[in-house]
N, C-alpha and C. Protein backbone atom coordinates (compact mmCIF):
# COMPACT_ATOMS: atom_id res chain seq x y z
N MET A 1 65.56 26.66 35.03
CA MET A 1 64.76 26.70 36.20
C MET A 1 63.88 27.93 36.26
N GLN A 2 64.40 28.97 35.76
CA GLN A 2 63.64 30.19 35.73
C GLN A 2 62.34 30.01 34.94
N LEU A 3 62.44 29.29 33.88
CA LEU A 3 61.29 29.05 33.02
C LEU A 3 60.21 28.27 33.76
N LYS A 4 60.65 27.35 34.56
CA LYS A 4 59.72 26.54 35.31
C LYS A 4 58.93 27.41 36.28
N TYR A 5 59.59 28.30 36.94
CA TYR A 5 58.92 29.19 37.88
C TYR A 5 58.01 30.18 37.17
N LEU A 6 58.44 30.60 36.01
CA LEU A 6 57.63 31.53 35.23
C LEU A 6 56.32 30.88 34.80
N VAL A 7 56.40 29.66 34.33
CA VAL A 7 55.20 28.93 33.91
C VAL A 7 54.27 28.74 35.10
N MET A 8 54.83 28.44 36.26
CA MET A 8 53.99 28.25 37.44
C MET A 8 53.31 29.55 37.85
N VAL A 9 53.99 30.66 37.72
CA VAL A 9 53.40 31.96 38.05
C VAL A 9 52.29 32.30 37.08
N VAL A 10 52.51 32.03 35.79
CA VAL A 10 51.49 32.31 34.77
C VAL A 10 50.26 31.45 35.02
N MET A 11 50.47 30.19 35.32
CA MET A 11 49.34 29.28 35.58
C MET A 11 48.56 29.73 36.81
N ALA A 12 49.28 30.13 37.84
CA ALA A 12 48.62 30.57 39.06
C ALA A 12 47.86 31.86 38.79
N THR A 13 48.38 32.73 37.98
CA THR A 13 47.71 33.97 37.64
C THR A 13 46.44 33.71 36.84
N ILE A 14 46.54 32.79 35.86
CA ILE A 14 45.36 32.47 35.05
C ILE A 14 44.27 31.86 35.91
N GLN A 15 44.67 30.96 36.81
CA GLN A 15 43.69 30.34 37.68
C GLN A 15 43.10 31.36 38.65
N ALA A 16 43.89 32.27 39.07
CA ALA A 16 43.42 33.25 40.04
C ALA A 16 42.46 34.24 39.40
N HIS A 17 42.65 34.56 38.11
CA HIS A 17 41.80 35.54 37.47
C HIS A 17 40.59 34.93 36.77
N THR A 18 40.48 33.60 36.71
CA THR A 18 39.32 32.97 36.09
C THR A 18 38.28 32.71 37.17
N PRO A 19 37.15 33.42 37.11
CA PRO A 19 36.14 33.23 38.15
C PRO A 19 35.51 31.83 38.04
N PRO A 20 34.94 31.32 39.10
CA PRO A 20 34.38 29.97 39.10
C PRO A 20 33.11 29.84 38.26
N HIS A 21 32.43 30.93 37.96
CA HIS A 21 31.20 30.85 37.17
C HIS A 21 31.47 30.98 35.66
N TRP A 22 32.67 30.73 35.25
CA TRP A 22 33.04 30.75 33.84
C TRP A 22 33.36 29.34 33.40
N PHE A 23 33.07 29.04 32.12
CA PHE A 23 33.38 27.72 31.57
C PHE A 23 33.82 27.91 30.12
N LEU A 24 34.98 27.41 29.77
CA LEU A 24 35.55 27.57 28.44
C LEU A 24 35.67 29.04 28.04
N GLY A 25 35.85 29.90 29.00
CA GLY A 25 36.03 31.31 28.73
C GLY A 25 34.72 32.07 28.58
N TYR A 26 33.60 31.40 28.81
CA TYR A 26 32.29 32.05 28.71
C TYR A 26 31.60 31.98 30.07
N ARG A 27 30.79 33.00 30.33
CA ARG A 27 29.98 32.95 31.55
C ARG A 27 28.80 32.02 31.30
N TRP A 28 28.18 31.57 32.37
CA TRP A 28 27.05 30.64 32.23
C TRP A 28 25.91 31.26 31.43
N SER A 29 25.69 32.53 31.57
CA SER A 29 24.62 33.20 30.81
C SER A 29 24.94 33.22 29.32
N GLU A 30 26.21 33.41 28.99
CA GLU A 30 26.60 33.38 27.57
C GLU A 30 26.45 31.98 26.99
N LEU A 31 26.85 30.97 27.76
CA LEU A 31 26.68 29.58 27.31
C LEU A 31 25.21 29.23 27.13
N ALA A 32 24.36 29.72 28.04
CA ALA A 32 22.92 29.47 27.92
C ALA A 32 22.38 30.12 26.65
N ALA A 33 22.85 31.32 26.34
CA ALA A 33 22.40 32.01 25.12
C ALA A 33 22.86 31.25 23.88
N ILE A 34 24.09 30.74 23.89
CA ILE A 34 24.60 29.97 22.74
C ILE A 34 23.78 28.70 22.55
N VAL A 35 23.51 28.00 23.65
CA VAL A 35 22.70 26.77 23.58
C VAL A 35 21.30 27.10 23.07
N ALA A 36 20.71 28.21 23.52
CA ALA A 36 19.37 28.60 23.07
C ALA A 36 19.37 28.90 21.57
N VAL A 37 20.38 29.60 21.09
CA VAL A 37 20.45 29.91 19.65
C VAL A 37 20.60 28.64 18.84
N ILE A 38 21.50 27.75 19.28
CA ILE A 38 21.69 26.48 18.56
C ILE A 38 20.40 25.66 18.57
N GLY A 39 19.72 25.62 19.71
CA GLY A 39 18.45 24.91 19.81
C GLY A 39 17.38 25.49 18.89
N PHE A 40 17.33 26.84 18.84
CA PHE A 40 16.35 27.50 17.98
C PHE A 40 16.62 27.19 16.50
N VAL A 41 17.89 27.23 16.10
CA VAL A 41 18.25 26.92 14.71
C VAL A 41 17.93 25.45 14.40
N ALA A 42 18.24 24.55 15.33
CA ALA A 42 17.96 23.12 15.11
C ALA A 42 16.46 22.89 14.99
N ALA A 43 15.67 23.54 15.85
CA ALA A 43 14.21 23.41 15.78
C ALA A 43 13.69 23.94 14.44
N GLY A 44 14.26 25.05 13.98
CA GLY A 44 13.86 25.58 12.67
C GLY A 44 14.17 24.61 11.55
N ILE A 45 15.33 23.98 11.60
CA ILE A 45 15.70 23.00 10.56
C ILE A 45 14.76 21.81 10.61
N VAL A 46 14.46 21.30 11.82
CA VAL A 46 13.54 20.17 11.96
C VAL A 46 12.16 20.54 11.40
N TRP A 47 11.67 21.74 11.73
CA TRP A 47 10.37 22.17 11.23
C TRP A 47 10.39 22.28 9.71
N LEU A 48 11.45 22.83 9.16
CA LEU A 48 11.56 22.98 7.70
C LEU A 48 11.58 21.62 7.02
N VAL A 49 12.32 20.68 7.56
CA VAL A 49 12.36 19.33 6.98
C VAL A 49 10.98 18.69 7.05
N LYS A 50 10.32 18.88 8.17
CA LYS A 50 8.98 18.30 8.34
C LYS A 50 8.00 18.89 7.34
N VAL A 51 8.02 20.18 7.16
CA VAL A 51 7.09 20.84 6.25
C VAL A 51 7.44 20.56 4.79
N ALA A 52 8.74 20.58 4.47
CA ALA A 52 9.16 20.48 3.07
C ALA A 52 9.28 19.04 2.58
N ILE A 53 9.60 18.09 3.45
CA ILE A 53 9.87 16.73 2.99
C ILE A 53 8.84 15.74 3.50
N ILE A 54 8.60 15.71 4.80
CA ILE A 54 7.75 14.67 5.38
C ILE A 54 6.28 14.91 5.08
N ASN A 55 5.78 16.12 5.27
CA ASN A 55 4.37 16.40 5.06
C ASN A 55 3.93 16.15 3.62
N PRO A 56 4.65 16.61 2.59
CA PRO A 56 4.23 16.29 1.22
C PRO A 56 4.19 14.78 0.96
N GLN A 57 5.12 14.05 1.56
CA GLN A 57 5.11 12.60 1.39
C GLN A 57 3.86 12.00 2.03
N ASN A 58 3.43 12.54 3.18
CA ASN A 58 2.21 12.06 3.82
C ASN A 58 1.00 12.36 2.95
N VAL A 59 0.99 13.52 2.31
CA VAL A 59 -0.12 13.87 1.41
C VAL A 59 -0.16 12.89 0.24
N VAL A 60 1.00 12.60 -0.32
CA VAL A 60 1.07 11.64 -1.44
C VAL A 60 0.59 10.27 -0.97
N ASN A 61 1.03 9.85 0.21
CA ASN A 61 0.60 8.55 0.74
C ASN A 61 -0.90 8.50 0.95
N ARG A 62 -1.48 9.58 1.45
CA ARG A 62 -2.94 9.62 1.65
C ARG A 62 -3.67 9.54 0.31
N GLU A 63 -3.17 10.25 -0.70
CA GLU A 63 -3.80 10.21 -2.02
C GLU A 63 -3.70 8.81 -2.62
N GLN A 64 -2.54 8.18 -2.46
CA GLN A 64 -2.38 6.82 -2.97
C GLN A 64 -3.29 5.85 -2.23
N ALA A 65 -3.46 6.06 -0.94
CA ALA A 65 -4.34 5.19 -0.16
C ALA A 65 -5.79 5.35 -0.61
N LYS A 66 -6.20 6.60 -0.89
CA LYS A 66 -7.56 6.84 -1.37
C LYS A 66 -7.77 6.19 -2.74
N ALA A 67 -6.78 6.32 -3.63
CA ALA A 67 -6.89 5.71 -4.95
C ALA A 67 -6.94 4.19 -4.84
N ALA A 68 -6.13 3.62 -3.96
CA ALA A 68 -6.14 2.17 -3.78
C ALA A 68 -7.47 1.71 -3.20
N GLU A 69 -8.02 2.49 -2.27
CA GLU A 69 -9.31 2.14 -1.68
C GLU A 69 -10.42 2.19 -2.73
N LEU A 70 -10.40 3.20 -3.58
CA LEU A 70 -11.39 3.30 -4.64
C LEU A 70 -11.25 2.13 -5.61
N SER A 71 -10.02 1.80 -5.96
CA SER A 71 -9.77 0.67 -6.86
C SER A 71 -10.26 -0.63 -6.23
N ASN A 72 -9.97 -0.82 -4.95
CA ASN A 72 -10.43 -2.03 -4.26
C ASN A 72 -11.94 -2.11 -4.21
N LYS A 73 -12.58 -0.96 -4.00
CA LYS A 73 -14.05 -0.93 -3.96
C LYS A 73 -14.62 -1.34 -5.31
N MET A 74 -14.05 -0.79 -6.38
CA MET A 74 -14.53 -1.13 -7.72
C MET A 74 -14.29 -2.61 -8.02
N LEU A 75 -13.14 -3.14 -7.61
CA LEU A 75 -12.86 -4.56 -7.82
C LEU A 75 -13.83 -5.43 -7.03
N ARG A 76 -14.14 -5.04 -5.79
CA ARG A 76 -15.12 -5.80 -5.00
C ARG A 76 -16.48 -5.81 -5.68
N GLU A 77 -16.89 -4.66 -6.21
CA GLU A 77 -18.18 -4.59 -6.90
C GLU A 77 -18.17 -5.49 -8.13
N SER A 78 -17.08 -5.48 -8.89
CA SER A 78 -16.96 -6.34 -10.07
C SER A 78 -17.00 -7.81 -9.67
N ILE A 79 -16.30 -8.15 -8.60
CA ILE A 79 -16.29 -9.55 -8.15
C ILE A 79 -17.67 -9.97 -7.68
N ASP A 80 -18.37 -9.07 -6.97
CA ASP A 80 -19.73 -9.40 -6.53
C ASP A 80 -20.65 -9.60 -7.72
N LEU A 81 -20.54 -8.74 -8.73
CA LEU A 81 -21.36 -8.87 -9.93
C LEU A 81 -21.06 -10.19 -10.65
N LEU A 82 -19.77 -10.51 -10.79
CA LEU A 82 -19.40 -11.77 -11.44
C LEU A 82 -19.87 -12.97 -10.63
N THR A 83 -19.82 -12.89 -9.33
CA THR A 83 -20.30 -13.98 -8.48
C THR A 83 -21.78 -14.20 -8.69
N LYS A 84 -22.54 -13.12 -8.75
CA LYS A 84 -23.98 -13.26 -9.00
C LYS A 84 -24.24 -13.88 -10.36
N LYS A 85 -23.46 -13.47 -11.36
CA LYS A 85 -23.64 -14.04 -12.70
C LYS A 85 -23.30 -15.52 -12.70
N VAL A 86 -22.22 -15.90 -12.03
CA VAL A 86 -21.84 -17.31 -11.98
C VAL A 86 -22.90 -18.13 -11.26
N GLU A 87 -23.44 -17.59 -10.17
CA GLU A 87 -24.51 -18.29 -9.47
C GLU A 87 -25.72 -18.43 -10.38
N GLY A 88 -26.03 -17.36 -11.13
CA GLY A 88 -27.14 -17.43 -12.09
C GLY A 88 -26.88 -18.45 -13.17
N ILE A 89 -25.63 -18.52 -13.62
CA ILE A 89 -25.28 -19.51 -14.65
C ILE A 89 -25.46 -20.91 -14.10
N GLY A 90 -25.10 -21.13 -12.84
CA GLY A 90 -25.25 -22.45 -12.22
C GLY A 90 -26.71 -22.87 -12.19
N ASP A 91 -27.59 -21.97 -11.77
CA ASP A 91 -29.03 -22.28 -11.74
C ASP A 91 -29.56 -22.45 -13.16
N ASN A 92 -29.15 -21.56 -14.03
CA ASN A 92 -29.61 -21.59 -15.41
C ASN A 92 -29.04 -22.80 -16.15
N ALA A 93 -27.84 -23.22 -15.79
CA ALA A 93 -27.21 -24.34 -16.47
C ALA A 93 -28.00 -25.62 -16.26
N THR A 94 -28.55 -25.80 -15.09
CA THR A 94 -29.36 -26.99 -14.82
C THR A 94 -30.59 -26.99 -15.72
N GLN A 95 -31.24 -25.84 -15.84
CA GLN A 95 -32.43 -25.75 -16.71
C GLN A 95 -32.06 -25.98 -18.17
N VAL A 96 -30.95 -25.38 -18.60
CA VAL A 96 -30.51 -25.55 -19.99
C VAL A 96 -30.14 -27.00 -20.25
N HIS A 97 -29.48 -27.63 -19.29
CA HIS A 97 -29.10 -29.04 -19.44
C HIS A 97 -30.34 -29.92 -19.58
N GLU A 98 -31.34 -29.67 -18.75
CA GLU A 98 -32.58 -30.46 -18.84
C GLU A 98 -33.27 -30.24 -20.18
N LYS A 99 -33.28 -28.99 -20.64
CA LYS A 99 -33.91 -28.67 -21.92
C LYS A 99 -33.17 -29.39 -23.07
N HIS A 100 -31.86 -29.34 -23.05
CA HIS A 100 -31.08 -30.01 -24.10
C HIS A 100 -31.22 -31.52 -24.02
N ASP A 101 -31.33 -32.04 -22.81
CA ASP A 101 -31.52 -33.48 -22.64
C ASP A 101 -32.85 -33.92 -23.26
N ARG A 102 -33.91 -33.14 -23.04
CA ARG A 102 -35.22 -33.45 -23.66
C ARG A 102 -35.12 -33.38 -25.17
N ARG A 103 -34.46 -32.35 -25.67
CA ARG A 103 -34.32 -32.22 -27.13
C ARG A 103 -33.54 -33.39 -27.72
N LEU A 104 -32.52 -33.82 -27.01
CA LEU A 104 -31.73 -34.96 -27.46
C LEU A 104 -32.59 -36.23 -27.49
N ASP A 105 -33.37 -36.40 -26.44
CA ASP A 105 -34.28 -37.56 -26.41
C ASP A 105 -35.25 -37.50 -27.59
N ASP A 106 -35.78 -36.30 -27.87
CA ASP A 106 -36.69 -36.16 -29.01
C ASP A 106 -35.99 -36.50 -30.32
N HIS A 107 -34.74 -36.06 -30.47
CA HIS A 107 -33.99 -36.36 -31.70
C HIS A 107 -33.73 -37.86 -31.83
N GLU A 108 -33.39 -38.50 -30.71
CA GLU A 108 -33.16 -39.94 -30.77
C GLU A 108 -34.43 -40.68 -31.19
N THR A 109 -35.54 -40.21 -30.65
CA THR A 109 -36.83 -40.85 -31.02
C THR A 109 -37.10 -40.65 -32.50
N ARG A 110 -36.87 -39.46 -33.03
CA ARG A 110 -37.10 -39.19 -34.45
C ARG A 110 -36.16 -40.02 -35.32
N ILE A 111 -34.89 -40.12 -34.88
CA ILE A 111 -33.93 -40.92 -35.65
C ILE A 111 -34.38 -42.37 -35.71
N GLN A 112 -34.84 -42.89 -34.59
CA GLN A 112 -35.31 -44.28 -34.58
C GLN A 112 -36.52 -44.46 -35.51
N LEU A 113 -37.43 -43.48 -35.46
CA LEU A 113 -38.60 -43.56 -36.34
C LEU A 113 -38.17 -43.46 -37.81
N ASN A 114 -37.23 -42.56 -38.10
CA ASN A 114 -36.76 -42.42 -39.48
C ASN A 114 -36.05 -43.69 -39.95
N GLU A 115 -35.24 -44.31 -39.08
CA GLU A 115 -34.57 -45.55 -39.46
C GLU A 115 -35.60 -46.65 -39.72
N HIS A 116 -36.62 -46.69 -38.90
CA HIS A 116 -37.68 -47.68 -39.10
C HIS A 116 -38.39 -47.45 -40.45
N ASP A 117 -38.67 -46.16 -40.72
CA ASP A 117 -39.31 -45.84 -42.01
C ASP A 117 -38.41 -46.20 -43.19
N ILE A 118 -37.11 -45.94 -43.05
CA ILE A 118 -36.17 -46.26 -44.13
C ILE A 118 -36.14 -47.77 -44.35
N LYS A 119 -36.12 -48.55 -43.31
CA LYS A 119 -36.11 -50.00 -43.46
C LYS A 119 -37.39 -50.49 -44.15
N GLU A 120 -38.52 -49.88 -43.80
CA GLU A 120 -39.79 -50.28 -44.45
C GLU A 120 -39.77 -49.92 -45.92
N LEU A 121 -39.23 -48.71 -46.23
CA LEU A 121 -39.20 -48.31 -47.64
C LEU A 121 -38.24 -49.21 -48.42
N LYS A 122 -37.09 -49.56 -47.83
CA LYS A 122 -36.18 -50.47 -48.51
C LYS A 122 -36.87 -51.83 -48.74
N GLY A 123 -37.61 -52.24 -47.76
CA GLY A 123 -38.32 -53.52 -47.89
C GLY A 123 -39.36 -53.47 -49.01
N ILE A 124 -40.01 -52.34 -49.15
CA ILE A 124 -41.02 -52.18 -50.19
C ILE A 124 -40.33 -52.11 -51.55
N ILE A 125 -39.23 -51.40 -51.64
CA ILE A 125 -38.51 -51.24 -52.90
C ILE A 125 -37.93 -52.57 -53.34
N GLU A 126 -37.42 -53.35 -52.44
CA GLU A 126 -36.80 -54.63 -52.80
C GLU A 126 -37.84 -55.63 -53.25
N LYS A 127 -39.03 -55.53 -52.88
CA LYS A 127 -40.05 -56.48 -53.28
C LYS A 127 -40.54 -56.17 -54.61
């Protein structure tokens, strides 16, 4: 029983000597200073990560975007050039086709004339 009373006296003494503006054994001003230091260190770590890791990645991404844009521009120019050539081939193909068609007609006419001449010569030779 003595022990029980002793513990109660110790508890009452601790409660009596702990002022109300203390928390976890620290005064509010000390807790504010601890929170400020932890916040300052955390902000420093965030800034360091941003400068050392995130920002270089953004620079790399920007460079890759510029390279991709340049590549796309060159591809568009090549496609435009090829499109113009294909359109030119389409217009030119009609002219070439007409020219070849005339030449073919001329060849057919010559072949017919040559066959006629061959038949006449065979007729002359056979007589």
